[in-house]
Amino acid sequence: LDACIKHDVPALAIRAVQAGALTSAMDRELPADDADQRDFDRAAGFRKLAAEWGQTPARLAHRYSLAIGGPSSVILGVKNREELIECVEAERDPRLTPAECQQLEAVCA
């Protein structure tokens, strides 16, 4: 992303919710060794922080995608109107501050 910004190349933010890993719950059964399931398990700290901040993990993931700077577009990947509404609401929320982004990055490291 830094290279794209440096060279003024548009970038797309794809998989903002990491195939479900950055949501409240997976929408499908996966084996424990599945890469998406492992991502979901690793994101427990992210979900905890989202709860502390009073929002769903998906909403927070989309807010982060909008706040980091660089992506010219965010590909939502929603499956229904409810998820779409949540994304639109996330876009209307105040942008995350650099300190909030750093806090999110720390729990996901």
PDB file of N, CA and C in Angstrom:
ATOM      1  N   LEU A   1       0.828  -1.189   0.000  1.00  0.00           N
ATOM      2  CA  LEU A   1       0.000   0.000   0.000  1.00  0.00           C
ATOM      3  C   LEU A   1       0.871   1.251   0.000  1.00  0.00           C
ATOM      4  N   ASP A   2       1.940   1.227   0.774  1.00  0.00           N
ATOM      5  CA  ASP A   2       2.835   2.387   0.805  1.00  0.00           C
ATOM      6  C   ASP A   2       3.413   2.680  -0.577  1.00  0.00           C
ATOM      7  N   ALA A   3       3.781   1.634  -1.314  1.00  0.00           N
ATOM      8  CA  ALA A   3       4.330   1.831  -2.658  1.00  0.00           C
ATOM      9  C   ALA A   3       3.277   2.426  -3.588  1.00  0.00           C
ATOM     10  N   CYS A   4       2.040   1.986  -3.456  1.00  0.00           N
ATOM     11  CA  CYS A   4       0.958   2.548  -4.272  1.00  0.00           C
ATOM     12  C   CYS A   4       0.782   4.033  -3.984  1.00  0.00           C
ATOM     13  N   ILE A   5       0.782   4.377  -2.716  1.00  0.00           N
ATOM     14  CA  ILE A   5       0.631   5.781  -2.333  1.00  0.00           C
ATOM     15  C   ILE A   5       1.802   6.592  -2.884  1.00  0.00           C
ATOM     16  N   LYS A   6       3.003   6.079  -2.710  1.00  0.00           N
ATOM     17  CA  LYS A   6       4.206   6.789  -3.152  1.00  0.00           C
ATOM     18  C   LYS A   6       4.178   7.067  -4.647  1.00  0.00           C
ATOM     19  N   HIS A   7       3.675   6.111  -5.430  1.00  0.00           N
ATOM     20  CA  HIS A   7       3.691   6.237  -6.888  1.00  0.00           C
ATOM     21  C   HIS A   7       2.330   6.632  -7.464  1.00  0.00           C
ATOM     22  N   ASP A   8       1.418   7.072  -6.595  1.00  0.00           N
ATOM     23  CA  ASP A   8       0.091   7.531  -7.019  1.00  0.00           C
ATOM     24  C   ASP A   8      -0.650   6.481  -7.855  1.00  0.00           C
ATOM     25  N   VAL A   9      -0.597   5.239  -7.370  1.00  0.00           N
ATOM     26  CA  VAL A   9      -1.284   4.134  -8.027  1.00  0.00           C
ATOM     27  C   VAL A   9      -2.513   3.782  -7.199  1.00  0.00           C
ATOM     28  N   PRO A  10      -3.705   3.804  -7.805  1.00  0.00           N
ATOM     29  CA  PRO A  10      -4.906   3.449  -7.042  1.00  0.00           C
ATOM     30  C   PRO A  10      -4.821   2.014  -6.517  1.00  0.00           C
ATOM     31  N   ALA A  11      -5.359   1.812  -5.338  1.00  0.00           N
ATOM     32  CA  ALA A  11      -5.375   0.484  -4.723  1.00  0.00           C
ATOM     33  C   ALA A  11      -6.782   0.189  -4.226  1.00  0.00           C
ATOM     34  N   LEU A  12      -7.175  -1.065  -4.314  1.00  0.00           N
ATOM     35  CA  LEU A  12      -8.471  -1.502  -3.813  1.00  0.00           C
ATOM     36  C   LEU A  12      -8.288  -2.210  -2.480  1.00  0.00           C
ATOM     37  N   ALA A  13      -9.168  -1.912  -1.539  1.00  0.00           N
ATOM     38  CA  ALA A  13      -9.206  -2.654  -0.277  1.00  0.00           C
ATOM     39  C   ALA A  13     -10.192  -3.800  -0.481  1.00  0.00           C
ATOM     40  N   ILE A  14      -9.676  -4.998  -0.529  1.00  0.00           N
ATOM     41  CA  ILE A  14     -10.494  -6.185  -0.772  1.00  0.00           C
ATOM     42  C   ILE A  14     -10.483  -7.042   0.486  1.00  0.00           C
ATOM     43  N   ARG A  15     -11.621  -7.666   0.770  1.00  0.00           N
ATOM     44  CA  ARG A  15     -11.748  -8.536   1.944  1.00  0.00           C
ATOM     45  C   ARG A  15     -11.591  -7.758   3.243  1.00  0.00           C
ATOM     46  N   ALA A  16     -12.310  -6.660   3.340  1.00  0.00           N
ATOM     47  CA  ALA A  16     -12.218  -5.815   4.538  1.00  0.00           C
ATOM     48  C   ALA A  16     -12.555  -6.593   5.806  1.00  0.00           C
ATOM     49  N   VAL A  17     -13.421  -7.586   5.694  1.00  0.00           N
ATOM     50  CA  VAL A  17     -13.749  -8.398   6.870  1.00  0.00           C
ATOM     51  C   VAL A  17     -13.033  -9.753   6.830  1.00  0.00           C
ATOM     52  N   GLN A  18     -12.026  -9.857   5.988  1.00  0.00           N
ATOM     53  CA  GLN A  18     -11.146 -11.031   5.928  1.00  0.00           C
ATOM     54  C   GLN A  18     -11.929 -12.341   5.830  1.00  0.00           C
ATOM     55  N   ALA A  19     -12.819 -12.408   4.842  1.00  0.00           N
ATOM     56  CA  ALA A  19     -13.613 -13.621   4.594  1.00  0.00           C
ATOM     57  C   ALA A  19     -14.385 -14.081   5.826  1.00  0.00           C
ATOM     58  N   GLY A  20     -14.802 -13.116   6.641  1.00  0.00           N
ATOM     59  CA  GLY A  20     -15.582 -13.432   7.833  1.00  0.00           C
ATOM     60  C   GLY A  20     -14.781 -13.434   9.120  1.00  0.00           C
ATOM     61  N   ALA A  21     -13.459 -13.413   9.027  1.00  0.00           N
ATOM     62  CA  ALA A  21     -12.621 -13.472  10.226  1.00  0.00           C
ATOM     63  C   ALA A  21     -12.806 -12.248  11.109  1.00  0.00           C
ATOM     64  N   LEU A  22     -13.160 -11.110  10.515  1.00  0.00           N
ATOM     65  CA  LEU A  22     -13.339  -9.886  11.293  1.00  0.00           C
ATOM     66  C   LEU A  22     -14.819  -9.565  11.474  1.00  0.00           C
ATOM     67  N   THR A  23     -15.595 -10.604  11.712  1.00  0.00           N
ATOM     68  CA  THR A  23     -17.022 -10.461  12.008  1.00  0.00           C
ATOM     69  C   THR A  23     -17.294 -11.099  13.369  1.00  0.00           C
ATOM     70  N   SER A  24     -18.541 -11.015  13.801  1.00  0.00           N
ATOM     71  CA  SER A  24     -18.910 -11.585  15.105  1.00  0.00           C
ATOM     72  C   SER A  24     -18.864 -13.104  15.110  1.00  0.00           C
ATOM     73  N   ALA A  25     -19.181 -13.709  13.971  1.00  0.00           N
ATOM     74  CA  ALA A  25     -19.208 -15.169  13.879  1.00  0.00           C
ATOM     75  C   ALA A  25     -19.081 -15.580  12.420  1.00  0.00           C
ATOM     76  N   MET A  26     -18.465 -16.706  12.187  1.00  0.00           N
ATOM     77  CA  MET A  26     -18.379 -17.228  10.825  1.00  0.00           C
ATOM     78  C   MET A  26     -19.776 -17.666  10.396  1.00  0.00           C
ATOM     79  N   ASP A  27     -20.083 -17.492   9.126  1.00  0.00           N
ATOM     80  CA  ASP A  27     -21.403 -17.844   8.617  1.00  0.00           C
ATOM     81  C   ASP A  27     -21.446 -19.244   8.016  1.00  0.00           C
ATOM     82  N   ARG A  28     -20.389 -19.994   8.265  1.00  0.00           N
ATOM     83  CA  ARG A  28     -20.324 -21.352   7.734  1.00  0.00           C
ATOM     84  C   ARG A  28     -19.432 -22.199   8.636  1.00  0.00           C
ATOM     85  N   GLU A  29     -19.638 -23.499   8.594  1.00  0.00           N
ATOM     86  CA  GLU A  29     -18.804 -24.433   9.357  1.00  0.00           C
ATOM     87  C   GLU A  29     -17.496 -24.649   8.606  1.00  0.00           C
ATOM     88  N   LEU A  30     -16.405 -24.536   9.327  1.00  0.00           N
ATOM     89  CA  LEU A  30     -15.095 -24.763   8.731  1.00  0.00           C
ATOM     90  C   LEU A  30     -14.285 -25.692   9.620  1.00  0.00           C
ATOM     91  N   PRO A  31     -13.434 -26.516   9.025  1.00  0.00           N
ATOM     92  CA  PRO A  31     -12.550 -27.334   9.848  1.00  0.00           C
ATOM     93  C   PRO A  31     -11.596 -26.438  10.637  1.00  0.00           C
ATOM     94  N   ALA A  32     -11.151 -26.906  11.770  1.00  0.00           N
ATOM     95  CA  ALA A  32     -10.275 -26.115  12.643  1.00  0.00           C
ATOM     96  C   ALA A  32      -8.991 -25.693  11.945  1.00  0.00           C
ATOM     97  N   ASP A  33      -8.531 -26.487  10.973  1.00  0.00           N
ATOM     98  CA  ASP A  33      -7.277 -26.154  10.294  1.00  0.00           C
ATOM     99  C   ASP A  33      -7.475 -25.310   9.034  1.00  0.00           C
ATOM    100  N   ASP A  34      -8.706 -24.898   8.753  1.00  0.00           N
ATOM    101  CA  ASP A  34      -8.980 -24.051   7.595  1.00  0.00           C
ATOM    102  C   ASP A  34      -8.356 -22.666   7.808  1.00  0.00           C
ATOM    103  N   ALA A  35      -7.792 -22.093   6.764  1.00  0.00           N
ATOM    104  CA  ALA A  35      -7.119 -20.792   6.879  1.00  0.00           C
ATOM    105  C   ALA A  35      -8.073 -19.703   7.361  1.00  0.00           C
ATOM    106  N   ASP A  36      -9.309 -19.684   6.856  1.00  0.00           N
ATOM    107  CA  ASP A  36     -10.269 -18.666   7.299  1.00  0.00           C
ATOM    108  C   ASP A  36     -10.640 -18.863   8.763  1.00  0.00           C
ATOM    109  N   GLN A  37     -10.767 -20.107   9.208  1.00  0.00           N
ATOM    110  CA  GLN A  37     -11.074 -20.375  10.610  1.00  0.00           C
ATOM    111  C   GLN A  37      -9.913 -19.953  11.503  1.00  0.00           C
ATOM    112  N   ARG A  38      -8.694 -20.232  11.058  1.00  0.00           N
ATOM    113  CA  ARG A  38      -7.521 -19.798  11.836  1.00  0.00           C
ATOM    114  C   ARG A  38      -7.463 -18.274  11.926  1.00  0.00           C
ATOM    115  N   ASP A  39      -7.797 -17.588  10.822  1.00  0.00           N
ATOM    116  CA  ASP A  39      -7.848 -16.119  10.857  1.00  0.00           C
ATOM    117  C   ASP A  39      -8.895 -15.642  11.855  1.00  0.00           C
ATOM    118  N   PHE A  40     -10.057 -16.293  11.861  1.00  0.00           N
ATOM    119  CA  PHE A  40     -11.122 -15.930  12.797  1.00  0.00           C
ATOM    120  C   PHE A  40     -10.636 -16.107  14.236  1.00  0.00           C
ATOM    121  N   ASP A  41      -9.990 -17.223  14.506  1.00  0.00           N
ATOM    122  CA  ASP A  41      -9.486 -17.485  15.859  1.00  0.00           C
ATOM    123  C   ASP A  41      -8.452 -16.442  16.279  1.00  0.00           C
ATOM    124  N   ARG A  42      -7.573 -16.073  15.356  1.00  0.00           N
ATOM    125  CA  ARG A  42      -6.539 -15.069  15.661  1.00  0.00           C
ATOM    126  C   ARG A  42      -7.129 -13.681  15.892  1.00  0.00           C
ATOM    127  N   ALA A  43      -8.327 -13.428  15.397  1.00  0.00           N
ATOM    128  CA  ALA A  43      -8.939 -12.097  15.503  1.00  0.00           C
ATOM    129  C   ALA A  43      -9.737 -11.898  16.787  1.00  0.00           C
ATOM    130  N   ALA A  44      -9.574 -12.760  17.766  1.00  0.00           N
ATOM    131  CA  ALA A  44     -10.326 -12.632  19.024  1.00  0.00           C
ATOM    132  C   ALA A  44     -10.082 -11.277  19.683  1.00  0.00           C
ATOM    133  N   GLY A  45      -8.854 -10.800  19.677  1.00  0.00           N
ATOM    134  CA  GLY A  45      -8.542  -9.495  20.263  1.00  0.00           C
ATOM    135  C   GLY A  45      -9.229  -8.363  19.529  1.00  0.00           C
ATOM    136  N   PHE A  46      -9.335  -8.492  18.221  1.00  0.00           N
ATOM    137  CA  PHE A  46     -10.039  -7.494  17.413  1.00  0.00           C
ATOM    138  C   PHE A  46     -11.512  -7.438  17.811  1.00  0.00           C
ATOM    139  N   ARG A  47     -12.146  -8.621  17.944  1.00  0.00           N
ATOM    140  CA  ARG A  47     -13.560  -8.664  18.336  1.00  0.00           C
ATOM    141  C   ARG A  47     -13.754  -8.084  19.734  1.00  0.00           C
ATOM    142  N   LYS A  48     -12.826  -8.354  20.626  1.00  0.00           N
ATOM    143  CA  LYS A  48     -12.908  -7.816  21.986  1.00  0.00           C
ATOM    144  C   LYS A  48     -12.834  -6.290  21.960  1.00  0.00           C
ATOM    145  N   LEU A  49     -11.914  -5.746  21.186  1.00  0.00           N
ATOM    146  CA  LEU A  49     -11.781  -4.296  21.095  1.00  0.00           C
ATOM    147  C   LEU A  49     -13.025  -3.677  20.461  1.00  0.00           C
ATOM    148  N   ALA A  50     -13.576  -4.313  19.439  1.00  0.00           N
ATOM    149  CA  ALA A  50     -14.807  -3.811  18.820  1.00  0.00           C
ATOM    150  C   ALA A  50     -15.924  -3.737  19.860  1.00  0.00           C
ATOM    151  N   ALA A  51     -16.043  -4.768  20.679  1.00  0.00           N
ATOM    152  CA  ALA A  51     -17.073  -4.773  21.726  1.00  0.00           C
ATOM    153  C   ALA A  51     -16.826  -3.646  22.728  1.00  0.00           C
ATOM    154  N   GLU A  52     -15.565  -3.438  23.102  1.00  0.00           N
ATOM    155  CA  GLU A  52     -15.237  -2.352  24.030  1.00  0.00           C
ATOM    156  C   GLU A  52     -15.588  -0.992  23.440  1.00  0.00           C
ATOM    157  N   TRP A  53     -15.462  -0.872  22.119  1.00  0.00           N
ATOM    158  CA  TRP A  53     -15.774   0.389  21.445  1.00  0.00           C
ATOM    159  C   TRP A  53     -17.246   0.488  21.059  1.00  0.00           C
ATOM    160  N   GLY A  54     -18.041  -0.538  21.392  1.00  0.00           N
ATOM    161  CA  GLY A  54     -19.483  -0.500  21.174  1.00  0.00           C
ATOM    162  C   GLY A  54     -19.928  -0.650  19.737  1.00  0.00           C
ATOM    163  N   GLN A  55     -19.207  -1.459  18.967  1.00  0.00           N
ATOM    164  CA  GLN A  55     -19.620  -1.681  17.583  1.00  0.00           C
ATOM    165  C   GLN A  55     -19.308  -3.107  17.163  1.00  0.00           C
ATOM    166  N   THR A  56     -19.910  -3.518  16.071  1.00  0.00           N
ATOM    167  CA  THR A  56     -19.650  -4.871  15.593  1.00  0.00           C
ATOM    168  C   THR A  56     -18.252  -4.930  14.984  1.00  0.00           C
ATOM    169  N   PRO A  57     -17.655  -6.108  14.980  1.00  0.00           N
ATOM    170  CA  PRO A  57     -16.351  -6.245  14.340  1.00  0.00           C
ATOM    171  C   PRO A  57     -16.385  -5.859  12.855  1.00  0.00           C
ATOM    172  N   ALA A  58     -17.442  -6.236  12.140  1.00  0.00           N
ATOM    173  CA  ALA A  58     -17.523  -5.909  10.711  1.00  0.00           C
ATOM    174  C   ALA A  58     -17.546  -4.400  10.495  1.00  0.00           C
ATOM    175  N   ARG A  59     -18.317  -3.707  11.297  1.00  0.00           N
ATOM    176  CA  ARG A  59     -18.382  -2.249  11.162  1.00  0.00           C
ATOM    177  C   ARG A  59     -17.008  -1.629  11.431  1.00  0.00           C
ATOM    178  N   LEU A  60     -16.342  -2.109  12.465  1.00  0.00           N
ATOM    179  CA  LEU A  60     -15.025  -1.588  12.795  1.00  0.00           C
ATOM    180  C   LEU A  60     -14.019  -1.906  11.685  1.00  0.00           C
ATOM    181  N   ALA A  61     -14.101  -3.090  11.105  1.00  0.00           N
ATOM    182  CA  ALA A  61     -13.198  -3.454  10.008  1.00  0.00           C
ATOM    183  C   ALA A  61     -13.387  -2.519   8.817  1.00  0.00           C
ATOM    184  N   HIS A  62     -14.633  -2.203   8.505  1.00  0.00           N
ATOM    185  CA  HIS A  62     -14.885  -1.284   7.395  1.00  0.00           C
ATOM    186  C   HIS A  62     -14.423   0.131   7.739  1.00  0.00           C
ATOM    187  N   ARG A  63     -14.631   0.553   8.967  1.00  0.00           N
ATOM    188  CA  ARG A  63     -14.142   1.878   9.373  1.00  0.00           C
ATOM    189  C   ARG A  63     -12.623   1.942   9.253  1.00  0.00           C
ATOM    190  N   TYR A  64     -11.954   0.871   9.620  1.00  0.00           N
ATOM    191  CA  TYR A  64     -10.496   0.827   9.500  1.00  0.00           C
ATOM    192  C   TYR A  64     -10.085   0.935   8.027  1.00  0.00           C
ATOM    193  N   SER A  65     -10.752   0.191   7.159  1.00  0.00           N
ATOM    194  CA  SER A  65     -10.434   0.237   5.727  1.00  0.00           C
ATOM    195  C   SER A  65     -10.542   1.652   5.174  1.00  0.00           C
ATOM    196  N   LEU A  66     -11.524   2.390   5.673  1.00  0.00           N
ATOM    197  CA  LEU A  66     -11.722   3.763   5.214  1.00  0.00           C
ATOM    198  C   LEU A  66     -10.724   4.732   5.842  1.00  0.00           C
ATOM    199  N   ALA A  67     -10.198   4.391   7.000  1.00  0.00           N
ATOM    200  CA  ALA A  67      -9.348   5.322   7.750  1.00  0.00           C
ATOM    201  C   ALA A  67      -7.868   5.243   7.404  1.00  0.00           C
ATOM    202  N   ILE A  68      -7.421   4.110   6.880  1.00  0.00           N
ATOM    203  CA  ILE A  68      -5.974   3.929   6.725  1.00  0.00           C
ATOM    204  C   ILE A  68      -5.371   4.795   5.631  1.00  0.00           C
ATOM    205  N   GLY A  69      -6.180   5.297   4.738  1.00  0.00           N
ATOM    206  CA  GLY A  69      -5.644   6.112   3.651  1.00  0.00           C
ATOM    207  C   GLY A  69      -4.973   5.233   2.618  1.00  0.00           C
ATOM    208  N   GLY A  70      -5.095   5.619   1.387  1.00  0.00           N
ATOM    209  CA  GLY A  70      -4.467   4.845   0.323  1.00  0.00           C
ATOM    210  C   GLY A  70      -5.461   4.179  -0.594  1.00  0.00           C
ATOM    211  N   PRO A  71      -6.315   3.275  -0.089  1.00  0.00           N
ATOM    212  CA  PRO A  71      -7.250   2.630  -1.011  1.00  0.00           C
ATOM    213  C   PRO A  71      -8.179   3.653  -1.668  1.00  0.00           C
ATOM    214  N   SER A  72      -8.320   3.510  -2.991  1.00  0.00           N
ATOM    215  CA  SER A  72      -9.238   4.390  -3.700  1.00  0.00           C
ATOM    216  C   SER A  72     -10.668   3.876  -3.604  1.00  0.00           C
ATOM    217  N   SER A  73     -10.818   2.589  -3.334  1.00  0.00           N
ATOM    218  CA  SER A  73     -12.135   1.968  -3.186  1.00  0.00           C
ATOM    219  C   SER A  73     -12.038   0.814  -2.197  1.00  0.00           C
ATOM    220  N   VAL A  74     -13.147   0.563  -1.523  1.00  0.00           N
ATOM    221  CA  VAL A  74     -13.244  -0.585  -0.623  1.00  0.00           C
ATOM    222  C   VAL A  74     -14.281  -1.531  -1.215  1.00  0.00           C
ATOM    223  N   ILE A  75     -13.875  -2.747  -1.523  1.00  0.00           N
ATOM    224  CA  ILE A  75     -14.789  -3.758  -2.038  1.00  0.00           C
ATOM    225  C   ILE A  75     -15.476  -4.389  -0.834  1.00  0.00           C
ATOM    226  N   LEU A  76     -16.786  -4.223  -0.751  1.00  0.00           N
ATOM    227  CA  LEU A  76     -17.509  -4.608   0.458  1.00  0.00           C
ATOM    228  C   LEU A  76     -17.686  -6.108   0.620  1.00  0.00           C
ATOM    229  N   GLY A  77     -18.093  -6.806  -0.400  1.00  0.00           N
ATOM    230  CA  GLY A  77     -18.295  -8.242  -0.284  1.00  0.00           C
ATOM    231  C   GLY A  77     -19.443  -8.625   0.632  1.00  0.00           C
ATOM    232  N   VAL A  78     -20.488  -7.816   0.655  1.00  0.00           N
ATOM    233  CA  VAL A  78     -21.622  -8.107   1.530  1.00  0.00           C
ATOM    234  C   VAL A  78     -22.524  -9.152   0.893  1.00  0.00           C
ATOM    235  N   LYS A  79     -23.294  -9.851   1.742  1.00  0.00           N
ATOM    236  CA  LYS A  79     -24.166 -10.916   1.269  1.00  0.00           C
ATOM    237  C   LYS A  79     -25.645 -10.567   1.342  1.00  0.00           C
ATOM    238  N   ASN A  80     -25.974  -9.493   2.054  1.00  0.00           N
ATOM    239  CA  ASN A  80     -27.387  -9.151   2.207  1.00  0.00           C
ATOM    240  C   ASN A  80     -27.526  -7.659   2.518  1.00  0.00           C
ATOM    241  N   ARG A  81     -28.753  -7.192   2.535  1.00  0.00           N
ATOM    242  CA  ARG A  81     -29.003  -5.766   2.758  1.00  0.00           C
ATOM    243  C   ARG A  81     -28.568  -5.308   4.144  1.00  0.00           C
ATOM    244  N   GLU A  82     -28.735  -6.161   5.125  1.00  0.00           N
ATOM    245  CA  GLU A  82     -28.336  -5.805   6.490  1.00  0.00           C
ATOM    246  C   GLU A  82     -26.840  -5.480   6.546  1.00  0.00           C
ATOM    247  N   GLU A  83     -26.036  -6.313   5.905  1.00  0.00           N
ATOM    248  CA  GLU A  83     -24.599  -6.064   5.874  1.00  0.00           C
ATOM    249  C   GLU A  83     -24.280  -4.794   5.078  1.00  0.00           C
ATOM    250  N   LEU A  84     -25.015  -4.563   3.995  1.00  0.00           N
ATOM    251  CA  LEU A  84     -24.807  -3.356   3.202  1.00  0.00           C
ATOM    252  C   LEU A  84     -25.132  -2.107   4.013  1.00  0.00           C
ATOM    253  N   ILE A  85     -26.231  -2.144   4.734  1.00  0.00           N
ATOM    254  CA  ILE A  85     -26.616  -1.000   5.578  1.00  0.00           C
ATOM    255  C   ILE A  85     -25.530  -0.725   6.609  1.00  0.00           C
ATOM    256  N   GLU A  86     -24.999  -1.774   7.215  1.00  0.00           N
ATOM    257  CA  GLU A  86     -23.939  -1.585   8.204  1.00  0.00           C
ATOM    258  C   GLU A  86     -22.710  -0.919   7.575  1.00  0.00           C
ATOM    259  N   CYS A  87     -22.377  -1.290   6.350  1.00  0.00           N
ATOM    260  CA  CYS A  87     -21.232  -0.674   5.670  1.00  0.00           C
ATOM    261  C   CYS A  87     -21.488   0.801   5.377  1.00  0.00           C
ATOM    262  N   VAL A  88     -22.696   1.117   4.941  1.00  0.00           N
ATOM    263  CA  VAL A  88     -23.039   2.519   4.670  1.00  0.00           C
ATOM    264  C   VAL A  88     -22.964   3.322   5.964  1.00  0.00           C
ATOM    265  N   GLU A  89     -23.465   2.752   7.041  1.00  0.00           N
ATOM    266  CA  GLU A  89     -23.394   3.438   8.334  1.00  0.00           C
ATOM    267  C   GLU A  89     -21.942   3.611   8.782  1.00  0.00           C
ATOM    268  N   ALA A  90     -21.104   2.622   8.533  1.00  0.00           N
ATOM    269  CA  ALA A  90     -19.687   2.725   8.900  1.00  0.00           C
ATOM    270  C   ALA A  90     -19.023   3.866   8.136  1.00  0.00           C
ATOM    271  N   GLU A  91     -19.421   4.054   6.887  1.00  0.00           N
ATOM    272  CA  GLU A  91     -18.851   5.141   6.087  1.00  0.00           C
ATOM    273  C   GLU A  91     -19.254   6.495   6.658  1.00  0.00           C
ATOM    274  N   ARG A  92     -20.419   6.563   7.248  1.00  0.00           N
ATOM    275  CA  ARG A  92     -20.917   7.816   7.822  1.00  0.00           C
ATOM    276  C   ARG A  92     -20.332   8.101   9.207  1.00  0.00           C
ATOM    277  N   ASP A  93     -19.801   7.079   9.857  1.00  0.00           N
ATOM    278  CA  ASP A  93     -19.200   7.258  11.186  1.00  0.00           C
ATOM    279  C   ASP A  93     -17.974   8.162  11.081  1.00  0.00           C
ATOM    280  N   PRO A  94     -17.589   8.776  12.194  1.00  0.00           N
ATOM    281  CA  PRO A  94     -16.334   9.536  12.182  1.00  0.00           C
ATOM    282  C   PRO A  94     -15.168   8.612  11.814  1.00  0.00           C
ATOM    283  N   ARG A  95     -14.205   9.140  11.095  1.00  0.00           N
ATOM    284  CA  ARG A  95     -13.021   8.351  10.740  1.00  0.00           C
ATOM    285  C   ARG A  95     -12.257   7.979  12.007  1.00  0.00           C
ATOM    286  N   LEU A  96     -11.704   6.796  12.005  1.00  0.00           N
ATOM    287  CA  LEU A  96     -10.843   6.398  13.111  1.00  0.00           C
ATOM    288  C   LEU A  96      -9.615   7.302  13.119  1.00  0.00           C
ATOM    289  N   THR A  97      -9.137   7.605  14.294  1.00  0.00           N
ATOM    290  CA  THR A  97      -7.932   8.420  14.422  1.00  0.00           C
ATOM    291  C   THR A  97      -6.701   7.552  14.177  1.00  0.00           C
ATOM    292  N   PRO A  98      -5.564   8.158  13.896  1.00  0.00           N
ATOM    293  CA  PRO A  98      -4.340   7.359  13.769  1.00  0.00           C
ATOM    294  C   PRO A  98      -4.059   6.529  15.026  1.00  0.00           C
ATOM    295  N   ALA A  99      -4.343   7.079  16.196  1.00  0.00           N
ATOM    296  CA  ALA A  99      -4.122   6.328  17.443  1.00  0.00           C
ATOM    297  C   ALA A  99      -5.046   5.115  17.516  1.00  0.00           C
ATOM    298  N   GLU A 100      -6.291   5.269  17.101  1.00  0.00           N
ATOM    299  CA  GLU A 100      -7.224   4.135  17.099  1.00  0.00           C
ATOM    300  C   GLU A 100      -6.765   3.080  16.097  1.00  0.00           C
ATOM    301  N   CYS A 101      -6.308   3.510  14.925  1.00  0.00           N
ATOM    302  CA  CYS A 101      -5.799   2.557  13.930  1.00  0.00           C
ATOM    303  C   CYS A 101      -4.606   1.790  14.487  1.00  0.00           C
ATOM    304  N   GLN A 102      -3.725   2.483  15.174  1.00  0.00           N
ATOM    305  CA  GLN A 102      -2.563   1.814  15.769  1.00  0.00           C
ATOM    306  C   GLN A 102      -2.990   0.808  16.828  1.00  0.00           C
ATOM    307  N   GLN A 103      -4.008   1.156  17.605  1.00  0.00           N
ATOM    308  CA  GLN A 103      -4.505   0.231  18.627  1.00  0.00           C
ATOM    309  C   GLN A 103      -5.065  -1.029  17.967  1.00  0.00           C
ATOM    310  N   LEU A 104      -5.809  -0.860  16.884  1.00  0.00           N
ATOM    311  CA  LEU A 104      -6.338  -2.014  16.153  1.00  0.00           C
ATOM    312  C   LEU A 104      -5.206  -2.864  15.588  1.00  0.00           C
ATOM    313  N   GLU A 105      -4.236  -2.218  14.999  1.00  0.00           N
ATOM    314  CA  GLU A 105      -3.108  -2.947  14.420  1.00  0.00           C
ATOM    315  C   GLU A 105      -2.349  -3.724  15.491  1.00  0.00           C
ATOM    316  N   ALA A 106      -2.256  -3.160  16.682  1.00  0.00           N
ATOM    317  CA  ALA A 106      -1.545  -3.835  17.774  1.00  0.00           C
ATOM    318  C   ALA A 106      -2.263  -5.110  18.204  1.00  0.00           C
ATOM    319  N   VAL A 107      -3.594  -5.091  18.279  1.00  0.00           N
ATOM    320  CA  VAL A 107      -4.306  -6.301  18.705  1.00  0.00           C
ATOM    321  C   VAL A 107      -4.335  -7.349  17.603  1.00  0.00           C
ATOM    322  N   CYS A 108      -4.064  -6.936  16.370  1.00  0.00           N
ATOM    323  CA  CYS A 108      -4.073  -7.883  15.251  1.00  0.00           C
ATOM    324  C   CYS A 108      -2.677  -8.386  14.891  1.00  0.00           C
ATOM    325  N   ALA A 109      -1.673  -7.859  15.554  1.00  0.00           N
ATOM    326  CA  ALA A 109      -0.284  -8.243  15.211  1.00  0.00           C
ATOM    327  C   ALA A 109       0.035  -9.647  15.672  1.00  0.00           C
TER     328      ALA A 109
END
